[in-house]
Amino acid sequence: MKINREELLSIETIAGRIKYVRQQQKFTQNGVALGAGISQEAYSKIERGITRPSVDRLYDIAASLKVAVYDLMPETRANEMLGSDTVFGRMQQLIQRWWRKRN
């Protein structure tokens, strides 16, 4: 299923974006948690904003949701971390190019 980009961009938290994408994909919390290698309880805490996922965990969740990790990051957070003058920014640009070619 296609994710509505406008709706996704309007969500300002990682937890909110994770929940939105999961619901749009019609995935269960348990299914995403299994795909990410964590318990349903741990995943639920991330989705509710109680626990903040590590970068590695965020990549695992993104893979389980079948989206790019940058789709889960609000613009302000992504811009802070992924400015083009940072190592992360350059990595993000390379990942975006790779992701677009893959899809």
PDB file of N, CA and C in Angstrom:
ATOM      1  N   MET A   1       0.841  -1.181   0.000  1.00  0.00           N
ATOM      2  CA  MET A   1       0.000   0.000   0.000  1.00  0.00           C
ATOM      3  C   MET A   1       0.886   1.244   0.000  1.00  0.00           C
ATOM      4  N   LYS A   2       0.484   2.239  -0.737  1.00  0.00           N
ATOM      5  CA  LYS A   2       1.210   3.507  -0.791  1.00  0.00           C
ATOM      6  C   LYS A   2       0.924   4.322   0.466  1.00  0.00           C
ATOM      7  N   ILE A   3       1.967   4.947   0.966  1.00  0.00           N
ATOM      8  CA  ILE A   3       1.850   5.819   2.132  1.00  0.00           C
ATOM      9  C   ILE A   3       1.540   7.229   1.631  1.00  0.00           C
ATOM     10  N   ASN A   4       0.572   7.887   2.245  1.00  0.00           N
ATOM     11  CA  ASN A   4       0.235   9.262   1.900  1.00  0.00           C
ATOM     12  C   ASN A   4       1.343  10.171   2.431  1.00  0.00           C
ATOM     13  N   ARG A   5       2.173  10.703   1.540  1.00  0.00           N
ATOM     14  CA  ARG A   5       3.343  11.496   1.937  1.00  0.00           C
ATOM     15  C   ARG A   5       2.944  12.762   2.693  1.00  0.00           C
ATOM     16  N   GLU A   6       1.877  13.413   2.263  1.00  0.00           N
ATOM     17  CA  GLU A   6       1.453  14.642   2.939  1.00  0.00           C
ATOM     18  C   GLU A   6       1.063  14.366   4.377  1.00  0.00           C
ATOM     19  N   GLU A   7       0.285  13.309   4.583  1.00  0.00           N
ATOM     20  CA  GLU A   7      -0.110  12.953   5.946  1.00  0.00           C
ATOM     21  C   GLU A   7       1.112  12.584   6.777  1.00  0.00           C
ATOM     22  N   LEU A   8       2.008  11.790   6.197  1.00  0.00           N
ATOM     23  CA  LEU A   8       3.206  11.368   6.919  1.00  0.00           C
ATOM     24  C   LEU A   8       4.041  12.573   7.332  1.00  0.00           C
ATOM     25  N   LEU A   9       4.219  13.530   6.426  1.00  0.00           N
ATOM     26  CA  LEU A   9       5.036  14.701   6.727  1.00  0.00           C
ATOM     27  C   LEU A   9       4.416  15.587   7.799  1.00  0.00           C
ATOM     28  N   SER A  10       3.114  15.483   7.994  1.00  0.00           N
ATOM     29  CA  SER A  10       2.460  16.304   9.006  1.00  0.00           C
ATOM     30  C   SER A  10       2.634  15.734  10.419  1.00  0.00           C
ATOM     31  N   ILE A  11       3.105  14.509  10.529  1.00  0.00           N
ATOM     32  CA  ILE A  11       3.290  13.877  11.839  1.00  0.00           C
ATOM     33  C   ILE A  11       4.677  14.241  12.353  1.00  0.00           C
ATOM     34  N   GLU A  12       4.743  14.825  13.551  1.00  0.00           N
ATOM     35  CA  GLU A  12       5.978  15.432  14.035  1.00  0.00           C
ATOM     36  C   GLU A  12       6.813  14.577  14.977  1.00  0.00           C
ATOM     37  N   THR A  13       6.416  13.336  15.252  1.00  0.00           N
ATOM     38  CA  THR A  13       7.226  12.493  16.128  1.00  0.00           C
ATOM     39  C   THR A  13       7.571  11.185  15.433  1.00  0.00           C
ATOM     40  N   ILE A  14       8.683  10.611  15.835  1.00  0.00           N
ATOM     41  CA  ILE A  14       9.074   9.312  15.291  1.00  0.00           C
ATOM     42  C   ILE A  14       8.019   8.278  15.656  1.00  0.00           C
ATOM     43  N   ALA A  15       7.572   8.293  16.915  1.00  0.00           N
ATOM     44  CA  ALA A  15       6.568   7.329  17.373  1.00  0.00           C
ATOM     45  C   ALA A  15       5.293   7.449  16.542  1.00  0.00           C
ATOM     46  N   GLY A  16       4.854   8.658  16.304  1.00  0.00           N
ATOM     47  CA  GLY A  16       3.647   8.874  15.507  1.00  0.00           C
ATOM     48  C   GLY A  16       3.796   8.385  14.092  1.00  0.00           C
ATOM     49  N   ARG A  17       4.967   8.608  13.514  1.00  0.00           N
ATOM     50  CA  ARG A  17       5.206   8.152  12.139  1.00  0.00           C
ATOM     51  C   ARG A  17       5.255   6.628  12.065  1.00  0.00           C
ATOM     52  N   ILE A  18       5.879   6.009  13.056  1.00  0.00           N
ATOM     53  CA  ILE A  18       5.934   4.544  13.084  1.00  0.00           C
ATOM     54  C   ILE A  18       4.513   3.976  13.131  1.00  0.00           C
ATOM     55  N   LYS A  19       3.698   4.514  14.026  1.00  0.00           N
ATOM     56  CA  LYS A  19       2.322   4.035  14.169  1.00  0.00           C
ATOM     57  C   LYS A  19       1.521   4.272  12.884  1.00  0.00           C
ATOM     58  N   TYR A  20       1.663   5.460  12.302  1.00  0.00           N
ATOM     59  CA  TYR A  20       0.947   5.787  11.076  1.00  0.00           C
ATOM     60  C   TYR A  20       1.298   4.803   9.954  1.00  0.00           C
ATOM     61  N   VAL A  21       2.592   4.582   9.751  1.00  0.00           N
ATOM     62  CA  VAL A  21       3.019   3.684   8.666  1.00  0.00           C
ATOM     63  C   VAL A  21       2.511   2.269   8.925  1.00  0.00           C
ATOM     64  N   ARG A  22       2.623   1.797  10.160  1.00  0.00           N
ATOM     65  CA  ARG A  22       2.148   0.452  10.482  1.00  0.00           C
ATOM     66  C   ARG A  22       0.658   0.308  10.165  1.00  0.00           C
ATOM     67  N   GLN A  23      -0.115   1.293  10.574  1.00  0.00           N
ATOM     68  CA  GLN A  23      -1.560   1.230  10.319  1.00  0.00           C
ATOM     69  C   GLN A  23      -1.871   1.312   8.825  1.00  0.00           C
ATOM     70  N   GLN A  24      -1.158   2.152   8.095  1.00  0.00           N
ATOM     71  CA  GLN A  24      -1.380   2.261   6.654  1.00  0.00           C
ATOM     72  C   GLN A  24      -1.020   0.955   5.941  1.00  0.00           C
ATOM     73  N   GLN A  25       0.012   0.283   6.430  1.00  0.00           N
ATOM     74  CA  GLN A  25       0.437  -0.992   5.834  1.00  0.00           C
ATOM     75  C   GLN A  25      -0.459  -2.150   6.289  1.00  0.00           C
ATOM     76  N   LYS A  26      -1.333  -1.859   7.269  1.00  0.00           N
ATOM     77  CA  LYS A  26      -2.219  -2.881   7.846  1.00  0.00           C
ATOM     78  C   LYS A  26      -1.422  -4.008   8.500  1.00  0.00           C
ATOM     79  N   PHE A  27      -0.305  -3.624   9.132  1.00  0.00           N
ATOM     80  CA  PHE A  27       0.512  -4.570   9.882  1.00  0.00           C
ATOM     81  C   PHE A  27       0.085  -4.540  11.351  1.00  0.00           C
ATOM     82  N   THR A  28       0.281  -5.646  12.038  1.00  0.00           N
ATOM     83  CA  THR A  28       0.027  -5.671  13.477  1.00  0.00           C
ATOM     84  C   THR A  28       1.291  -5.248  14.217  1.00  0.00           C
ATOM     85  N   GLN A  29       1.115  -4.814  15.453  1.00  0.00           N
ATOM     86  CA  GLN A  29       2.289  -4.497  16.274  1.00  0.00           C
ATOM     87  C   GLN A  29       3.166  -5.728  16.415  1.00  0.00           C
ATOM     88  N   ASN A  30       2.545  -6.868  16.632  1.00  0.00           N
ATOM     89  CA  ASN A  30       3.315  -8.096  16.808  1.00  0.00           C
ATOM     90  C   ASN A  30       4.114  -8.445  15.556  1.00  0.00           C
ATOM     91  N   GLY A  31       3.516  -8.272  14.395  1.00  0.00           N
ATOM     92  CA  GLY A  31       4.220  -8.567  13.147  1.00  0.00           C
ATOM     93  C   GLY A  31       5.424  -7.670  12.932  1.00  0.00           C
ATOM     94  N   VAL A  32       5.257  -6.387  13.196  1.00  0.00           N
ATOM     95  CA  VAL A  32       6.376  -5.448  13.043  1.00  0.00           C
ATOM     96  C   VAL A  32       7.449  -5.762  14.071  1.00  0.00           C
ATOM     97  N   ALA A  33       7.023  -6.038  15.299  1.00  0.00           N
ATOM     98  CA  ALA A  33       7.985  -6.364  16.357  1.00  0.00           C
ATOM     99  C   ALA A  33       8.797  -7.599  15.988  1.00  0.00           C
ATOM    100  N   LEU A  34       8.131  -8.642  15.504  1.00  0.00           N
ATOM    101  CA  LEU A  34       8.851  -9.856  15.095  1.00  0.00           C
ATOM    102  C   LEU A  34       9.861  -9.546  13.998  1.00  0.00           C
ATOM    103  N   GLY A  35       9.432  -8.762  13.019  1.00  0.00           N
ATOM    104  CA  GLY A  35      10.324  -8.393  11.926  1.00  0.00           C
ATOM    105  C   GLY A  35      11.511  -7.566  12.386  1.00  0.00           C
ATOM    106  N   ALA A  36      11.318  -6.794  13.444  1.00  0.00           N
ATOM    107  CA  ALA A  36      12.386  -5.945  13.976  1.00  0.00           C
ATOM    108  C   ALA A  36      13.226  -6.664  15.035  1.00  0.00           C
ATOM    109  N   GLY A  37      12.814  -7.862  15.403  1.00  0.00           N
ATOM    110  CA  GLY A  37      13.583  -8.638  16.379  1.00  0.00           C
ATOM    111  C   GLY A  37      13.398  -8.190  17.822  1.00  0.00           C
ATOM    112  N   ILE A  38      12.217  -7.643  18.142  1.00  0.00           N
ATOM    113  CA  ILE A  38      11.945  -7.211  19.509  1.00  0.00           C
ATOM    114  C   ILE A  38      10.577  -7.750  19.941  1.00  0.00           C
ATOM    115  N   SER A  39      10.299  -7.648  21.227  1.00  0.00           N
ATOM    116  CA  SER A  39       9.004  -8.109  21.722  1.00  0.00           C
ATOM    117  C   SER A  39       7.910  -7.122  21.334  1.00  0.00           C
ATOM    118  N   GLN A  40       6.674  -7.606  21.337  1.00  0.00           N
ATOM    119  CA  GLN A  40       5.540  -6.730  21.048  1.00  0.00           C
ATOM    120  C   GLN A  40       5.438  -5.642  22.101  1.00  0.00           C
ATOM    121  N   GLU A  41       5.739  -5.985  23.340  1.00  0.00           N
ATOM    122  CA  GLU A  41       5.675  -5.005  24.424  1.00  0.00           C
ATOM    123  C   GLU A  41       6.697  -3.879  24.205  1.00  0.00           C
ATOM    124  N   ALA A  42       7.912  -4.244  23.827  1.00  0.00           N
ATOM    125  CA  ALA A  42       8.944  -3.226  23.565  1.00  0.00           C
ATOM    126  C   ALA A  42       8.539  -2.352  22.376  1.00  0.00           C
ATOM    127  N   TYR A  43       8.003  -2.989  21.335  1.00  0.00           N
ATOM    128  CA  TYR A  43       7.563  -2.226  20.164  1.00  0.00           C
ATOM    129  C   TYR A  43       6.441  -1.266  20.538  1.00  0.00           C
ATOM    130  N   SER A  44       5.488  -1.729  21.328  1.00  0.00           N
ATOM    131  CA  SER A  44       4.362  -0.898  21.747  1.00  0.00           C
ATOM    132  C   SER A  44       4.846   0.342  22.491  1.00  0.00           C
ATOM    133  N   LYS A  45       5.862   0.175  23.334  1.00  0.00           N
ATOM    134  CA  LYS A  45       6.408   1.316  24.077  1.00  0.00           C
ATOM    135  C   LYS A  45       7.058   2.326  23.126  1.00  0.00           C
ATOM    136  N   ILE A  46       7.702   1.841  22.085  1.00  0.00           N
ATOM    137  CA  ILE A  46       8.304   2.737  21.088  1.00  0.00           C
ATOM    138  C   ILE A  46       7.204   3.489  20.352  1.00  0.00           C
ATOM    139  N   GLU A  47       6.178   2.767  19.922  1.00  0.00           N
ATOM    140  CA  GLU A  47       5.091   3.373  19.159  1.00  0.00           C
ATOM    141  C   GLU A  47       4.310   4.401  19.987  1.00  0.00           C
ATOM    142  N   ARG A  48       4.228   4.185  21.288  1.00  0.00           N
ATOM    143  CA  ARG A  48       3.516   5.123  22.161  1.00  0.00           C
ATOM    144  C   ARG A  48       4.416   6.256  22.652  1.00  0.00           C
ATOM    145  N   GLY A  49       5.694   6.230  22.286  1.00  0.00           N
ATOM    146  CA  GLY A  49       6.599   7.304  22.669  1.00  0.00           C
ATOM    147  C   GLY A  49       7.145   7.173  24.076  1.00  0.00           C
ATOM    148  N   ILE A  50       6.952   6.030  24.705  1.00  0.00           N
ATOM    149  CA  ILE A  50       7.460   5.806  26.056  1.00  0.00           C
ATOM    150  C   ILE A  50       8.957   5.520  26.011  1.00  0.00           C
ATOM    151  N   THR A  51       9.367   4.775  25.008  1.00  0.00           N
ATOM    152  CA  THR A  51      10.775   4.424  24.812  1.00  0.00           C
ATOM    153  C   THR A  51      11.239   4.992  23.482  1.00  0.00           C
ATOM    154  N   ARG A  52      12.427   5.570  23.463  1.00  0.00           N
ATOM    155  CA  ARG A  52      12.999   6.074  22.209  1.00  0.00           C
ATOM    156  C   ARG A  52      13.892   5.000  21.607  1.00  0.00           C
ATOM    157  N   PRO A  53      13.672   4.671  20.344  1.00  0.00           N
ATOM    158  CA  PRO A  53      14.485   3.615  19.730  1.00  0.00           C
ATOM    159  C   PRO A  53      15.898   4.100  19.435  1.00  0.00           C
ATOM    160  N   SER A  54      16.847   3.178  19.540  1.00  0.00           N
ATOM    161  CA  SER A  54      18.215   3.481  19.116  1.00  0.00           C
ATOM    162  C   SER A  54      18.221   3.594  17.592  1.00  0.00           C
ATOM    163  N   VAL A  55      19.292   4.092  17.044  1.00  0.00           N
ATOM    164  CA  VAL A  55      19.402   4.205  15.584  1.00  0.00           C
ATOM    165  C   VAL A  55      19.303   2.817  14.947  1.00  0.00           C
ATOM    166  N   ASP A  56      19.997   1.847  15.536  1.00  0.00           N
ATOM    167  CA  ASP A  56      19.931   0.484  15.001  1.00  0.00           C
ATOM    168  C   ASP A  56      18.510  -0.060  15.038  1.00  0.00           C
ATOM    169  N   ARG A  57      17.821   0.164  16.147  1.00  0.00           N
ATOM    170  CA  ARG A  57      16.452  -0.326  16.287  1.00  0.00           C
ATOM    171  C   ARG A  57      15.530   0.368  15.286  1.00  0.00           C
ATOM    172  N   LEU A  58      15.763   1.668  15.064  1.00  0.00           N
ATOM    173  CA  LEU A  58      14.953   2.411  14.101  1.00  0.00           C
ATOM    174  C   LEU A  58      15.123   1.823  12.695  1.00  0.00           C
ATOM    175  N   TYR A  59      16.344   1.445  12.344  1.00  0.00           N
ATOM    176  CA  TYR A  59      16.577   0.793  11.054  1.00  0.00           C
ATOM    177  C   TYR A  59      15.843  -0.541  10.979  1.00  0.00           C
ATOM    178  N   ASP A  60      15.867  -1.312  12.086  1.00  0.00           N
ATOM    179  CA  ASP A  60      15.165  -2.600  12.118  1.00  0.00           C
ATOM    180  C   ASP A  60      13.659  -2.410  11.939  1.00  0.00           C
ATOM    181  N   ILE A  61      13.109  -1.415  12.612  1.00  0.00           N
ATOM    182  CA  ILE A  61      11.677  -1.142  12.507  1.00  0.00           C
ATOM    183  C   ILE A  61      11.324  -0.685  11.091  1.00  0.00           C
ATOM    184  N   ALA A  62      12.139   0.196  10.528  1.00  0.00           N
ATOM    185  CA  ALA A  62      11.897   0.662   9.159  1.00  0.00           C
ATOM    186  C   ALA A  62      11.906  -0.511   8.178  1.00  0.00           C
ATOM    187  N   ALA A  63      12.859  -1.407   8.338  1.00  0.00           N
ATOM    188  CA  ALA A  63      12.929  -2.576   7.453  1.00  0.00           C
ATOM    189  C   ALA A  63      11.684  -3.449   7.620  1.00  0.00           C
ATOM    190  N   SER A  64      11.252  -3.629   8.854  1.00  0.00           N
ATOM    191  CA  SER A  64      10.061  -4.425   9.111  1.00  0.00           C
ATOM    192  C   SER A  64       8.812  -3.771   8.508  1.00  0.00           C
ATOM    193  N   LEU A  65       8.775  -2.444   8.531  1.00  0.00           N
ATOM    194  CA  LEU A  65       7.645  -1.702   7.952  1.00  0.00           C
ATOM    195  C   LEU A  65       7.768  -1.540   6.434  1.00  0.00           C
ATOM    196  N   LYS A  66       8.929  -1.909   5.890  1.00  0.00           N
ATOM    197  CA  LYS A  66       9.201  -1.798   4.451  1.00  0.00           C
ATOM    198  C   LYS A  66       9.203  -0.349   3.957  1.00  0.00           C
ATOM    199  N   VAL A  67       9.833   0.516   4.770  1.00  0.00           N
ATOM    200  CA  VAL A  67      10.019   1.918   4.393  1.00  0.00           C
ATOM    201  C   VAL A  67      11.467   2.296   4.677  1.00  0.00           C
ATOM    202  N   ALA A  68      11.886   3.415   4.137  1.00  0.00           N
ATOM    203  CA  ALA A  68      13.221   3.933   4.417  1.00  0.00           C
ATOM    204  C   ALA A  68      13.225   4.553   5.810  1.00  0.00           C
ATOM    205  N   VAL A  69      14.338   4.449   6.487  1.00  0.00           N
ATOM    206  CA  VAL A  69      14.420   4.968   7.856  1.00  0.00           C
ATOM    207  C   VAL A  69      14.145   6.468   7.895  1.00  0.00           C
ATOM    208  N   TYR A  70      14.547   7.200   6.882  1.00  0.00           N
ATOM    209  CA  TYR A  70      14.314   8.649   6.891  1.00  0.00           C
ATOM    210  C   TYR A  70      12.826   8.983   6.791  1.00  0.00           C
ATOM    211  N   ASP A  71      11.988   8.042   6.336  1.00  0.00           N
ATOM    212  CA  ASP A  71      10.541   8.269   6.328  1.00  0.00           C
ATOM    213  C   ASP A  71       9.980   8.345   7.750  1.00  0.00           C
ATOM    214  N   LEU A  72      10.676   7.747   8.691  1.00  0.00           N
ATOM    215  CA  LEU A  72      10.212   7.730  10.074  1.00  0.00           C
ATOM    216  C   LEU A  72      10.700   8.931  10.878  1.00  0.00           C
ATOM    217  N   MET A  73      11.576   9.725  10.291  1.00  0.00           N
ATOM    218  CA  MET A  73      12.150  10.856  11.012  1.00  0.00           C
ATOM    219  C   MET A  73      11.461  12.156  10.615  1.00  0.00           C
ATOM    220  N   PRO A  74      10.933  12.883  11.598  1.00  0.00           N
ATOM    221  CA  PRO A  74      10.342  14.188  11.288  1.00  0.00           C
ATOM    222  C   PRO A  74      11.378  15.102  10.633  1.00  0.00           C
ATOM    223  N   GLU A  75      10.899  16.008   9.802  1.00  0.00           N
ATOM    224  CA  GLU A  75      11.794  16.886   9.047  1.00  0.00           C
ATOM    225  C   GLU A  75      12.787  17.642   9.925  1.00  0.00           C
ATOM    226  N   THR A  76      12.324  18.207  11.035  1.00  0.00           N
ATOM    227  CA  THR A  76      13.242  18.994  11.862  1.00  0.00           C
ATOM    228  C   THR A  76      14.351  18.133  12.419  1.00  0.00           C
ATOM    229  N   ARG A  77      14.009  16.927  12.894  1.00  0.00           N
ATOM    230  CA  ARG A  77      15.026  16.022  13.418  1.00  0.00           C
ATOM    231  C   ARG A  77      15.956  15.554  12.309  1.00  0.00           C
ATOM    232  N   ALA A  78      15.380  15.222  11.170  1.00  0.00           N
ATOM    233  CA  ALA A  78      16.191  14.750  10.050  1.00  0.00           C
ATOM    234  C   ALA A  78      17.137  15.849   9.590  1.00  0.00           C
ATOM    235  N   ASN A  79      16.648  17.069   9.510  1.00  0.00           N
ATOM    236  CA  ASN A  79      17.500  18.173   9.067  1.00  0.00           C
ATOM    237  C   ASN A  79      18.639  18.440  10.037  1.00  0.00           C
ATOM    238  N   GLU A  80      18.365  18.333  11.342  1.00  0.00           N
ATOM    239  CA  GLU A  80      19.419  18.522  12.341  1.00  0.00           C
ATOM    240  C   GLU A  80      20.501  17.464  12.205  1.00  0.00           C
ATOM    241  N   MET A  81      20.061  16.209  12.078  1.00  0.00           N
ATOM    242  CA  MET A  81      21.004  15.097  12.028  1.00  0.00           C
ATOM    243  C   MET A  81      21.602  14.895  10.652  1.00  0.00           C
ATOM    244  N   LEU A  82      20.854  15.261   9.621  1.00  0.00           N
ATOM    245  CA  LEU A  82      21.240  14.885   8.273  1.00  0.00           C
ATOM    246  C   LEU A  82      21.572  16.074   7.384  1.00  0.00           C
ATOM    247  N   GLY A  83      22.023  17.152   7.990  1.00  0.00           N
ATOM    248  CA  GLY A  83      22.443  18.288   7.191  1.00  0.00           C
ATOM    249  C   GLY A  83      23.496  17.845   6.183  1.00  0.00           C
ATOM    250  N   SER A  84      23.462  18.435   5.008  1.00  0.00           N
ATOM    251  CA  SER A  84      24.359  17.975   3.936  1.00  0.00           C
ATOM    252  C   SER A  84      25.832  18.149   4.285  1.00  0.00           C
ATOM    253  N   ASP A  85      26.137  18.945   5.298  1.00  0.00           N
ATOM    254  CA  ASP A  85      27.528  19.159   5.681  1.00  0.00           C
ATOM    255  C   ASP A  85      28.000  18.176   6.747  1.00  0.00           C
ATOM    256  N   THR A  86      27.175  17.184   7.096  1.00  0.00           N
ATOM    257  CA  THR A  86      27.561  16.187   8.090  1.00  0.00           C
ATOM    258  C   THR A  86      27.777  14.836   7.434  1.00  0.00           C
ATOM    259  N   VAL A  87      28.477  13.964   8.132  1.00  0.00           N
ATOM    260  CA  VAL A  87      28.670  12.603   7.642  1.00  0.00           C
ATOM    261  C   VAL A  87      27.320  11.920   7.482  1.00  0.00           C
ATOM    262  N   PHE A  88      26.430  12.137   8.468  1.00  0.00           N
ATOM    263  CA  PHE A  88      25.099  11.540   8.392  1.00  0.00           C
ATOM    264  C   PHE A  88      24.339  12.057   7.176  1.00  0.00           C
ATOM    265  N   GLY A  89      24.501  13.326   6.876  1.00  0.00           N
ATOM    266  CA  GLY A  89      23.829  13.905   5.722  1.00  0.00           C
ATOM    267  C   GLY A  89      24.265  13.253   4.430  1.00  0.00           C
ATOM    268  N   ARG A  90      25.545  13.056   4.303  1.00  0.00           N
ATOM    269  CA  ARG A  90      26.070  12.401   3.095  1.00  0.00           C
ATOM    270  C   ARG A  90      25.578  10.962   3.005  1.00  0.00           C
ATOM    271  N   MET A  91      25.584  10.280   4.155  1.00  0.00           N
ATOM    272  CA  MET A  91      25.081   8.903   4.185  1.00  0.00           C
ATOM    273  C   MET A  91      23.609   8.865   3.781  1.00  0.00           C
ATOM    274  N   GLN A  92      22.838   9.816   4.295  1.00  0.00           N
ATOM    275  CA  GLN A  92      21.412   9.874   3.986  1.00  0.00           C
ATOM    276  C   GLN A  92      21.189  10.070   2.499  1.00  0.00           C
ATOM    277  N   GLN A  93      21.976  10.931   1.880  1.00  0.00           N
ATOM    278  CA  GLN A  93      21.849  11.155   0.444  1.00  0.00           C
ATOM    279  C   GLN A  93      22.132   9.871  -0.339  1.00  0.00           C
ATOM    280  N   LEU A  94      23.165   9.156   0.073  1.00  0.00           N
ATOM    281  CA  LEU A  94      23.511   7.900  -0.598  1.00  0.00           C
ATOM    282  C   LEU A  94      22.424   6.849  -0.401  1.00  0.00           C
ATOM    283  N   ILE A  95      21.878   6.775   0.813  1.00  0.00           N
ATOM    284  CA  ILE A  95      20.816   5.814   1.097  1.00  0.00           C
ATOM    285  C   ILE A  95      19.572   6.150   0.283  1.00  0.00           C
ATOM    286  N   GLN A  96      19.230   7.440   0.190  1.00  0.00           N
ATOM    287  CA  GLN A  96      18.057   7.835  -0.589  1.00  0.00           C
ATOM    288  C   GLN A  96      18.214   7.433  -2.046  1.00  0.00           C
ATOM    289  N   ARG A  97      19.383   7.670  -2.614  1.00  0.00           N
ATOM    290  CA  ARG A  97      19.612   7.278  -4.008  1.00  0.00           C
ATOM    291  C   ARG A  97      19.473   5.774  -4.181  1.00  0.00           C
ATOM    292  N   TRP A  98      20.080   5.015  -3.251  1.00  0.00           N
ATOM    293  CA  TRP A  98      20.001   3.560  -3.308  1.00  0.00           C
ATOM    294  C   TRP A  98      18.552   3.101  -3.184  1.00  0.00           C
ATOM    295  N   TRP A  99      17.790   3.699  -2.247  1.00  0.00           N
ATOM    296  CA  TRP A  99      16.409   3.310  -1.997  1.00  0.00           C
ATOM    297  C   TRP A  99      15.542   3.583  -3.228  1.00  0.00           C
ATOM    298  N   ARG A 100      15.751   4.724  -3.864  1.00  0.00           N
ATOM    299  CA  ARG A 100      14.958   5.059  -5.050  1.00  0.00           C
ATOM    300  C   ARG A 100      15.231   4.089  -6.200  1.00  0.00           C
ATOM    301  N   LYS A 101      16.487   3.689  -6.355  1.00  0.00           N
ATOM    302  CA  LYS A 101      16.812   2.726  -7.407  1.00  0.00           C
ATOM    303  C   LYS A 101      16.216   1.364  -7.113  1.00  0.00           C
ATOM    304  N   ARG A 102      16.155   1.013  -5.834  1.00  0.00           N
ATOM    305  CA  ARG A 102      15.641  -0.281  -5.405  1.00  0.00           C
ATOM    306  C   ARG A 102      14.142  -0.385  -5.592  1.00  0.00           C
ATOM    307  N   ASN A 103      13.445   0.718  -5.413  1.00  0.00           N
ATOM    308  CA  ASN A 103      11.968   0.703  -5.501  1.00  0.00           C
ATOM    309  C   ASN A 103      11.528   1.182  -6.820  1.00  0.00           C
TER     310      ASN A 103
END
